[in-house]
Amino acid sequence: MKILMKFLITLILIGQLNNLYSEKIKLSRETFRGVWENDDEPNDIFIITGNYKICIYKYSDGNISVNFYIYGFISSEDNDKYSAGIEPYRCLPVKNLKDSGEYLVVYMEENFPDNCLPKPRTLYYDYYIDEPNSPNIDFVYMHFLHYTRVNCLDSTTEHYVLKALKEKGLTMPGNYIYSSWKHYGRVKLAKVMIYSEPEKPTKMYLIEGDVFKIIEEKDDWIYIEFIGKKGINGWVRKKDVSIVK
């Protein structure tokens, strides 16, 4: 009887583990924000920030191309209807691109009339993603491309990209480390409050993975600069963050 009970318990546990692994992982723009480099072609880089994917290519003659694409997720079901040309999926409106529990990611070419692209032009890529929470992303699209998250760009590329982003009113992702930063840290909690002075909290906060410039350390506090849509200066508790350098 004891052996039978152990066998049944083992089967139940295996079933629960299978359910966990088969459950679709919630994907979001936050999962992918950052700078990604092609392992096989280091000159091929892309950045995810906000609802944009910025594709960068560094040519051997020193020129750098920067192209912008609207980025988001759609469900596999919606994609099947769209691909089959079923109404109203003859085009894919930008508003249909959103965070999703599915693994289908869509990049749309920018600046088309009405923000709605004709079927042949809409799906610039439609990659299915494996292990989306790992440091690497494997994209499946006719062949494998392997990208790895990197902390920063070389200063020349960074200067060129920052100029292009500024023209679009965009900034680098919050987990980007600028080449000019000598001392910086990273948020290690889900949410870290920013204080105008030690013990005087503001309504502002940083999220896990955010990287900031360290300006000053004082006892249990660090005075930081964070570059987002707006530059933020303030104090954070030293115990809530990791000092990287």
C-alpha atoms as a PDB file:
ATOM      1  CA  MET A   1       0.000   0.000   0.000  1.00  0.00           C
ATOM      2  CA  LYS A   2       2.816   2.414   0.921  1.00  0.00           C
ATOM      3  CA  ILE A   3       4.540   1.747  -2.395  1.00  0.00           C
ATOM      4  CA  LEU A   4       1.277   2.381  -4.286  1.00  0.00           C
ATOM      5  CA  MET A   5       0.720   5.652  -2.389  1.00  0.00           C
ATOM      6  CA  LYS A   6       4.269   6.836  -3.185  1.00  0.00           C
ATOM      7  CA  PHE A   7       3.717   5.973  -6.841  1.00  0.00           C
ATOM      8  CA  LEU A   8       0.449   7.929  -6.955  1.00  0.00           C
ATOM      9  CA  ILE A   9       2.013  10.965  -5.236  1.00  0.00           C
ATOM     10  CA  THR A  10       4.902  10.885  -7.736  1.00  0.00           C
ATOM     11  CA  LEU A  11       2.452  10.855 -10.634  1.00  0.00           C
ATOM     12  CA  ILE A  12       0.565  13.837  -9.191  1.00  0.00           C
ATOM     13  CA  LEU A  13       3.790  15.820  -8.723  1.00  0.00           C
ATOM     14  CA  ILE A  14       4.918  15.059 -12.279  1.00  0.00           C
ATOM     15  CA  GLY A  15       1.524  16.213 -13.566  1.00  0.00           C
ATOM     16  CA  GLN A  16       1.795  19.482 -11.653  1.00  0.00           C
ATOM     17  CA  LEU A  17       5.296  20.133 -12.997  1.00  0.00           C
ATOM     18  CA  ASN A  18       4.127  19.456 -16.542  1.00  0.00           C
ATOM     19  CA  ASN A  19       1.310  21.965 -16.077  1.00  0.00           C
ATOM     20  CA  LEU A  20       3.800  24.577 -14.888  1.00  0.00           C
ATOM     21  CA  TYR A  21       6.144  24.084 -17.828  1.00  0.00           C
ATOM     22  CA  SER A  22       3.344  23.962 -20.398  1.00  0.00           C
ATOM     23  CA  GLU A  23       1.744  27.169 -19.100  1.00  0.00           C
ATOM     24  CA  LYS A  24       2.326  30.076 -21.459  1.00  0.00           C
ATOM     25  CA  ILE A  25       4.585  32.728 -19.986  1.00  0.00           C
ATOM     26  CA  LYS A  26       3.211  36.261 -19.830  1.00  0.00           C
ATOM     27  CA  LEU A  27       5.232  38.315 -22.267  1.00  0.00           C
ATOM     28  CA  SER A  28       5.533  42.076 -22.129  1.00  0.00           C
ATOM     29  CA  ARG A  29       7.632  44.859 -23.513  1.00  0.00           C
ATOM     30  CA  GLU A  30       9.428  44.923 -20.158  1.00  0.00           C
ATOM     31  CA  THR A  31      10.632  41.352 -20.781  1.00  0.00           C
ATOM     32  CA  PHE A  32      12.531  42.493 -23.851  1.00  0.00           C
ATOM     33  CA  ARG A  33      13.537  46.075 -23.117  1.00  0.00           C
ATOM     34  CA  GLY A  34      17.243  46.625 -23.615  1.00  0.00           C
ATOM     35  CA  VAL A  35      19.990  46.254 -26.187  1.00  0.00           C
ATOM     36  CA  TRP A  36      20.424  42.942 -28.034  1.00  0.00           C
ATOM     37  CA  GLU A  37      23.358  41.835 -30.162  1.00  0.00           C
ATOM     38  CA  ASN A  38      23.465  39.066 -32.757  1.00  0.00           C
ATOM     39  CA  ASP A  39      25.951  36.424 -31.587  1.00  0.00           C
ATOM     40  CA  ASP A  40      26.925  35.562 -35.167  1.00  0.00           C
ATOM     41  CA  GLU A  41      26.979  39.151 -36.456  1.00  0.00           C
ATOM     42  CA  PRO A  42      28.060  41.648 -33.742  1.00  0.00           C
ATOM     43  CA  ASN A  43      27.345  44.580 -36.076  1.00  0.00           C
ATOM     44  CA  ASP A  44      23.652  43.582 -36.068  1.00  0.00           C
ATOM     45  CA  ILE A  45      21.994  45.127 -33.001  1.00  0.00           C
ATOM     46  CA  PHE A  46      18.478  46.003 -31.961  1.00  0.00           C
ATOM     47  CA  ILE A  47      17.000  47.966 -29.069  1.00  0.00           C
ATOM     48  CA  ILE A  48      13.578  47.583 -27.465  1.00  0.00           C
ATOM     49  CA  THR A  49      12.363  50.735 -25.748  1.00  0.00           C
ATOM     50  CA  GLY A  50       8.736  51.695 -25.186  1.00  0.00           C
ATOM     51  CA  ASN A  51       6.689  50.337 -28.098  1.00  0.00           C
ATOM     52  CA  TYR A  52       9.572  50.604 -30.555  1.00  0.00           C
ATOM     53  CA  LYS A  53      12.137  48.202 -31.914  1.00  0.00           C
ATOM     54  CA  ILE A  54      15.173  50.093 -33.231  1.00  0.00           C
ATOM     55  CA  CYS A  55      17.322  48.127 -35.647  1.00  0.00           C
ATOM     56  CA  ILE A  56      20.975  49.165 -35.900  1.00  0.00           C
ATOM     57  CA  TYR A  57      23.597  47.973 -38.328  1.00  0.00           C
ATOM     58  CA  LYS A  58      27.254  49.046 -38.299  1.00  0.00           C
ATOM     59  CA  TYR A  59      28.837  48.868 -41.760  1.00  0.00           C
ATOM     60  CA  SER A  60      32.516  48.193 -42.387  1.00  0.00           C
ATOM     61  CA  ASP A  61      32.961  51.684 -43.882  1.00  0.00           C
ATOM     62  CA  GLY A  62      31.928  53.253 -40.561  1.00  0.00           C
ATOM     63  CA  ASN A  63      28.366  54.147 -41.520  1.00  0.00           C
ATOM     64  CA  ILE A  64      25.553  53.189 -39.165  1.00  0.00           C
ATOM     65  CA  SER A  65      21.913  52.643 -40.134  1.00  0.00           C
ATOM     66  CA  VAL A  66      19.104  53.105 -37.600  1.00  0.00           C
ATOM     67  CA  ASN A  67      15.548  52.025 -38.481  1.00  0.00           C
ATOM     68  CA  PHE A  68      12.417  52.242 -36.328  1.00  0.00           C
ATOM     69  CA  TYR A  69       9.590  49.696 -36.138  1.00  0.00           C
ATOM     70  CA  ILE A  70       6.425  49.608 -34.054  1.00  0.00           C
ATOM     71  CA  TYR A  71       6.604  46.653 -31.713  1.00  0.00           C
ATOM     72  CA  GLY A  72       4.095  44.521 -29.829  1.00  0.00           C
ATOM     73  CA  PHE A  73       2.335  41.182 -29.441  1.00  0.00           C
ATOM     74  CA  ILE A  74      -0.790  39.686 -30.985  1.00  0.00           C
ATOM     75  CA  SER A  75      -2.437  36.380 -30.144  1.00  0.00           C
ATOM     76  CA  SER A  76      -1.852  33.366 -32.366  1.00  0.00           C
ATOM     77  CA  GLU A  77      -5.609  33.227 -32.977  1.00  0.00           C
ATOM     78  CA  ASP A  78      -5.720  36.829 -34.203  1.00  0.00           C
ATOM     79  CA  ASN A  79      -2.699  36.198 -36.374  1.00  0.00           C
ATOM     80  CA  ASP A  80      -4.345  33.129 -37.959  1.00  0.00           C
ATOM     81  CA  LYS A  81      -7.430  35.192 -38.816  1.00  0.00           C
ATOM     82  CA  TYR A  82      -5.319  38.036 -40.120  1.00  0.00           C
ATOM     83  CA  SER A  83      -3.120  35.753 -42.234  1.00  0.00           C
ATOM     84  CA  ALA A  84      -6.217  34.107 -43.712  1.00  0.00           C
ATOM     85  CA  GLY A  85      -7.556  37.532 -44.746  1.00  0.00           C
ATOM     86  CA  ILE A  86     -10.707  37.206 -42.629  1.00  0.00           C
ATOM     87  CA  GLU A  87     -12.420  40.519 -41.835  1.00  0.00           C
ATOM     88  CA  PRO A  88     -11.397  42.744 -40.115  1.00  0.00           C
ATOM     89  CA  TYR A  89      -7.858  41.414 -40.495  1.00  0.00           C
ATOM     90  CA  ARG A  90      -7.016  42.639 -43.962  1.00  0.00           C
ATOM     91  CA  CYS A  91      -4.758  45.040 -42.167  1.00  0.00           C
ATOM     92  CA  LEU A  92      -3.376  45.083 -38.647  1.00  0.00           C
ATOM     93  CA  PRO A  93      -4.011  48.328 -36.720  1.00  0.00           C
ATOM     94  CA  VAL A  94      -1.303  49.511 -34.369  1.00  0.00           C
ATOM     95  CA  LYS A  95      -3.828  49.418 -31.515  1.00  0.00           C
ATOM     96  CA  ASN A  96      -3.960  45.608 -31.889  1.00  0.00           C
ATOM     97  CA  LEU A  97      -0.311  45.360 -30.896  1.00  0.00           C
ATOM     98  CA  LYS A  98      -0.191  44.891 -27.134  1.00  0.00           C
ATOM     99  CA  ASP A  99       1.264  42.811 -24.335  1.00  0.00           C
ATOM    100  CA  SER A 100       0.067  39.249 -24.664  1.00  0.00           C
ATOM    101  CA  GLY A 101       0.152  35.809 -23.110  1.00  0.00           C
ATOM    102  CA  GLU A 102       1.065  34.440 -26.519  1.00  0.00           C
ATOM    103  CA  TYR A 103       4.506  33.993 -27.981  1.00  0.00           C
ATOM    104  CA  LEU A 104       3.874  35.844 -31.241  1.00  0.00           C
ATOM    105  CA  VAL A 105       5.751  39.112 -31.599  1.00  0.00           C
ATOM    106  CA  VAL A 106       5.077  41.541 -34.428  1.00  0.00           C
ATOM    107  CA  TYR A 107       7.182  44.399 -35.782  1.00  0.00           C
ATOM    108  CA  MET A 108       5.366  46.840 -38.051  1.00  0.00           C
ATOM    109  CA  GLU A 109       6.999  49.259 -40.444  1.00  0.00           C
ATOM    110  CA  GLU A 110       6.425  52.800 -39.318  1.00  0.00           C
ATOM    111  CA  ASN A 111       4.705  55.830 -40.887  1.00  0.00           C
ATOM    112  CA  PHE A 112       2.087  54.188 -43.077  1.00  0.00           C
ATOM    113  CA  PRO A 113      -1.327  55.887 -43.595  1.00  0.00           C
ATOM    114  CA  ASP A 114      -3.794  55.464 -40.728  1.00  0.00           C
ATOM    115  CA  ASN A 115      -1.281  53.358 -38.798  1.00  0.00           C
ATOM    116  CA  CYS A 116      -2.750  50.312 -40.525  1.00  0.00           C
ATOM    117  CA  LEU A 117      -0.602  48.332 -42.906  1.00  0.00           C
ATOM    118  CA  PRO A 118      -1.800  46.226 -45.868  1.00  0.00           C
ATOM    119  CA  LYS A 119      -1.418  42.493 -45.350  1.00  0.00           C
ATOM    120  CA  PRO A 120       1.706  41.985 -47.514  1.00  0.00           C
ATOM    121  CA  ARG A 121       3.611  44.723 -45.649  1.00  0.00           C
ATOM    122  CA  THR A 122       2.420  44.298 -42.066  1.00  0.00           C
ATOM    123  CA  LEU A 123       4.351  41.391 -40.600  1.00  0.00           C
ATOM    124  CA  TYR A 124       7.937  42.479 -40.894  1.00  0.00           C
ATOM    125  CA  TYR A 125       8.863  39.631 -38.577  1.00  0.00           C
ATOM    126  CA  ASP A 126       6.689  37.196 -36.712  1.00  0.00           C
ATOM    127  CA  TYR A 127       8.986  35.371 -34.344  1.00  0.00           C
ATOM    128  CA  TYR A 128       8.010  32.701 -31.882  1.00  0.00           C
ATOM    129  CA  ILE A 129      10.080  33.048 -28.753  1.00  0.00           C
ATOM    130  CA  ASP A 130      11.698  30.322 -26.669  1.00  0.00           C
ATOM    131  CA  GLU A 131      12.562  30.919 -23.011  1.00  0.00           C
ATOM    132  CA  PRO A 132      11.541  34.590 -23.008  1.00  0.00           C
ATOM    133  CA  ASN A 133      12.797  35.246 -19.475  1.00  0.00           C
ATOM    134  CA  SER A 134      16.322  33.988 -20.115  1.00  0.00           C
ATOM    135  CA  PRO A 135      19.260  36.353 -20.846  1.00  0.00           C
ATOM    136  CA  ASN A 136      19.170  35.205 -24.468  1.00  0.00           C
ATOM    137  CA  ILE A 137      16.347  35.112 -27.008  1.00  0.00           C
ATOM    138  CA  ASP A 138      16.077  32.452 -29.694  1.00  0.00           C
ATOM    139  CA  PHE A 139      13.990  33.704 -32.605  1.00  0.00           C
ATOM    140  CA  VAL A 140      12.433  31.136 -34.913  1.00  0.00           C
ATOM    141  CA  TYR A 141      11.795  32.482 -38.421  1.00  0.00           C
ATOM    142  CA  MET A 142      12.793  30.268 -41.318  1.00  0.00           C
ATOM    143  CA  HIS A 143      16.143  29.944 -39.541  1.00  0.00           C
ATOM    144  CA  PHE A 144      17.569  30.615 -36.079  1.00  0.00           C
ATOM    145  CA  LEU A 145      19.034  33.930 -35.066  1.00  0.00           C
ATOM    146  CA  HIS A 146      20.583  34.061 -31.632  1.00  0.00           C
ATOM    147  CA  TYR A 147      20.683  37.372 -29.762  1.00  0.00           C
ATOM    148  CA  THR A 148      22.192  38.135 -26.373  1.00  0.00           C
ATOM    149  CA  ARG A 149      21.373  41.087 -24.138  1.00  0.00           C
ATOM    150  CA  VAL A 150      24.313  43.506 -23.818  1.00  0.00           C
ATOM    151  CA  ASN A 151      24.767  46.317 -21.295  1.00  0.00           C
ATOM    152  CA  CYS A 152      25.999  49.059 -23.586  1.00  0.00           C
ATOM    153  CA  LEU A 153      27.189  50.141 -27.029  1.00  0.00           C
ATOM    154  CA  ASP A 154      30.584  51.466 -28.014  1.00  0.00           C
ATOM    155  CA  SER A 155      30.751  55.252 -27.623  1.00  0.00           C
ATOM    156  CA  THR A 156      30.661  55.998 -31.390  1.00  0.00           C
ATOM    157  CA  THR A 157      27.555  53.881 -31.992  1.00  0.00           C
ATOM    158  CA  GLU A 158      25.979  55.197 -28.800  1.00  0.00           C
ATOM    159  CA  HIS A 159      26.401  58.805 -29.938  1.00  0.00           C
ATOM    160  CA  TYR A 160      24.815  58.039 -33.322  1.00  0.00           C
ATOM    161  CA  VAL A 161      21.917  56.091 -31.819  1.00  0.00           C
ATOM    162  CA  LEU A 162      21.197  58.671 -29.112  1.00  0.00           C
ATOM    163  CA  LYS A 163      20.929  61.349 -31.789  1.00  0.00           C
ATOM    164  CA  ALA A 164      18.430  59.227 -33.753  1.00  0.00           C
ATOM    165  CA  LEU A 165      16.401  58.485 -30.597  1.00  0.00           C
ATOM    166  CA  LYS A 166      16.313  62.163 -29.621  1.00  0.00           C
ATOM    167  CA  GLU A 167      14.830  63.041 -33.010  1.00  0.00           C
ATOM    168  CA  LYS A 168      12.032  60.560 -32.249  1.00  0.00           C
ATOM    169  CA  GLY A 169      11.531  61.778 -28.694  1.00  0.00           C
ATOM    170  CA  LEU A 170      12.782  58.444 -27.326  1.00  0.00           C
ATOM    171  CA  THR A 171      15.423  57.459 -24.786  1.00  0.00           C
ATOM    172  CA  MET A 172      17.519  54.371 -24.208  1.00  0.00           C
ATOM    173  CA  PRO A 173      15.886  51.619 -22.109  1.00  0.00           C
ATOM    174  CA  GLY A 174      16.191  52.075 -18.359  1.00  0.00           C
ATOM    175  CA  ASN A 175      18.555  49.105 -18.075  1.00  0.00           C
ATOM    176  CA  TYR A 176      21.114  50.648 -20.451  1.00  0.00           C
ATOM    177  CA  ILE A 177      24.562  51.613 -19.126  1.00  0.00           C
ATOM    178  CA  TYR A 178      25.971  54.745 -20.756  1.00  0.00           C
ATOM    179  CA  SER A 179      29.593  54.716 -21.886  1.00  0.00           C
ATOM    180  CA  SER A 180      30.309  57.931 -19.927  1.00  0.00           C
ATOM    181  CA  TRP A 181      29.243  56.406 -16.581  1.00  0.00           C
ATOM    182  CA  LYS A 182      32.163  55.511 -14.314  1.00  0.00           C
ATOM    183  CA  HIS A 183      30.002  54.554 -11.315  1.00  0.00           C
ATOM    184  CA  TYR A 184      26.579  52.985 -11.598  1.00  0.00           C
ATOM    185  CA  GLY A 185      24.162  50.640  -9.873  1.00  0.00           C
ATOM    186  CA  ARG A 186      21.121  48.495 -10.570  1.00  0.00           C
ATOM    187  CA  VAL A 187      17.747  48.109  -8.831  1.00  0.00           C
ATOM    188  CA  LYS A 188      17.388  44.637  -7.315  1.00  0.00           C
ATOM    189  CA  LEU A 189      13.839  44.894  -5.897  1.00  0.00           C
ATOM    190  CA  ALA A 190      10.537  44.946  -7.797  1.00  0.00           C
ATOM    191  CA  LYS A 191      10.074  48.610  -6.879  1.00  0.00           C
ATOM    192  CA  VAL A 192      12.389  51.131  -5.233  1.00  0.00           C
ATOM    193  CA  MET A 193      11.202  54.551  -4.079  1.00  0.00           C
ATOM    194  CA  ILE A 194      13.143  57.715  -4.923  1.00  0.00           C
ATOM    195  CA  TYR A 195      13.621  60.253  -2.126  1.00  0.00           C
ATOM    196  CA  SER A 196      14.148  64.008  -2.540  1.00  0.00           C
ATOM    197  CA  GLU A 197      16.260  63.807   0.613  1.00  0.00           C
ATOM    198  CA  PRO A 198      16.993  60.831   2.869  1.00  0.00           C
ATOM    199  CA  GLU A 199      13.721  59.848   4.592  1.00  0.00           C
ATOM    200  CA  LYS A 200      11.670  62.210   2.364  1.00  0.00           C
ATOM    201  CA  PRO A 201       9.985  59.993  -0.280  1.00  0.00           C
ATOM    202  CA  THR A 202       8.626  61.285  -3.578  1.00  0.00           C
ATOM    203  CA  LYS A 203       5.989  59.651  -5.782  1.00  0.00           C
ATOM    204  CA  MET A 204       8.713  58.507  -8.180  1.00  0.00           C
ATOM    205  CA  TYR A 205      10.221  55.033  -8.187  1.00  0.00           C
ATOM    206  CA  LEU A 206      12.455  52.685 -10.171  1.00  0.00           C
ATOM    207  CA  ILE A 207      11.713  49.084 -11.113  1.00  0.00           C
ATOM    208  CA  GLU A 208      13.795  45.924 -11.009  1.00  0.00           C
ATOM    209  CA  GLY A 209      16.643  45.991 -13.527  1.00  0.00           C
ATOM    210  CA  ASP A 210      16.758  49.789 -13.879  1.00  0.00           C
ATOM    211  CA  VAL A 211      20.311  51.113 -14.074  1.00  0.00           C
ATOM    212  CA  PHE A 212      21.342  54.499 -12.679  1.00  0.00           C
ATOM    213  CA  LYS A 213      24.416  56.700 -12.410  1.00  0.00           C
ATOM    214  CA  ILE A 214      25.863  57.035  -8.896  1.00  0.00           C
ATOM    215  CA  ILE A 215      26.682  60.632  -8.028  1.00  0.00           C
ATOM    216  CA  GLU A 216      27.235  60.445  -4.279  1.00  0.00           C
ATOM    217  CA  GLU A 217      27.147  57.949  -1.412  1.00  0.00           C
ATOM    218  CA  LYS A 218      26.193  59.028   2.098  1.00  0.00           C
ATOM    219  CA  ASP A 219      25.855  56.505   4.934  1.00  0.00           C
ATOM    220  CA  ASP A 220      22.971  54.172   3.944  1.00  0.00           C
ATOM    221  CA  TRP A 221      21.934  56.301   0.960  1.00  0.00           C
ATOM    222  CA  ILE A 222      22.992  56.852  -2.653  1.00  0.00           C
ATOM    223  CA  TYR A 223      22.319  59.995  -4.699  1.00  0.00           C
ATOM    224  CA  ILE A 224      21.550  58.934  -8.266  1.00  0.00           C
ATOM    225  CA  GLU A 225      20.731  60.122 -11.756  1.00  0.00           C
ATOM    226  CA  PHE A 226      18.303  58.035 -13.801  1.00  0.00           C
ATOM    227  CA  ILE A 227      17.691  58.742 -17.485  1.00  0.00           C
ATOM    228  CA  GLY A 228      14.138  57.970 -18.613  1.00  0.00           C
ATOM    229  CA  LYS A 229      11.571  60.073 -20.445  1.00  0.00           C
ATOM    230  CA  LYS A 230      12.645  62.737 -17.972  1.00  0.00           C
ATOM    231  CA  GLY A 231      15.947  62.927 -16.130  1.00  0.00           C
ATOM    232  CA  ILE A 232      15.478  62.024 -12.462  1.00  0.00           C
ATOM    233  CA  ASN A 233      17.805  62.872  -9.602  1.00  0.00           C
ATOM    234  CA  GLY A 234      17.222  61.693  -6.048  1.00  0.00           C
ATOM    235  CA  TRP A 235      18.218  59.409  -3.205  1.00  0.00           C
ATOM    236  CA  VAL A 236      17.671  55.648  -2.911  1.00  0.00           C
ATOM    237  CA  ARG A 237      18.377  53.296  -0.025  1.00  0.00           C
ATOM    238  CA  LYS A 238      21.664  51.473  -0.515  1.00  0.00           C
ATOM    239  CA  LYS A 239      20.151  48.172   0.672  1.00  0.00           C
ATOM    240  CA  ASP A 240      17.563  48.257  -2.131  1.00  0.00           C
ATOM    241  CA  VAL A 241      20.087  48.369  -4.979  1.00  0.00           C
ATOM    242  CA  SER A 242      23.265  46.707  -6.185  1.00  0.00           C
ATOM    243  CA  ILE A 243      26.363  48.810  -6.806  1.00  0.00           C
ATOM    244  CA  VAL A 244      27.786  47.428 -10.037  1.00  0.00           C
ATOM    245  CA  LYS A 245      30.810  49.710 -10.461  1.00  0.00           C
END
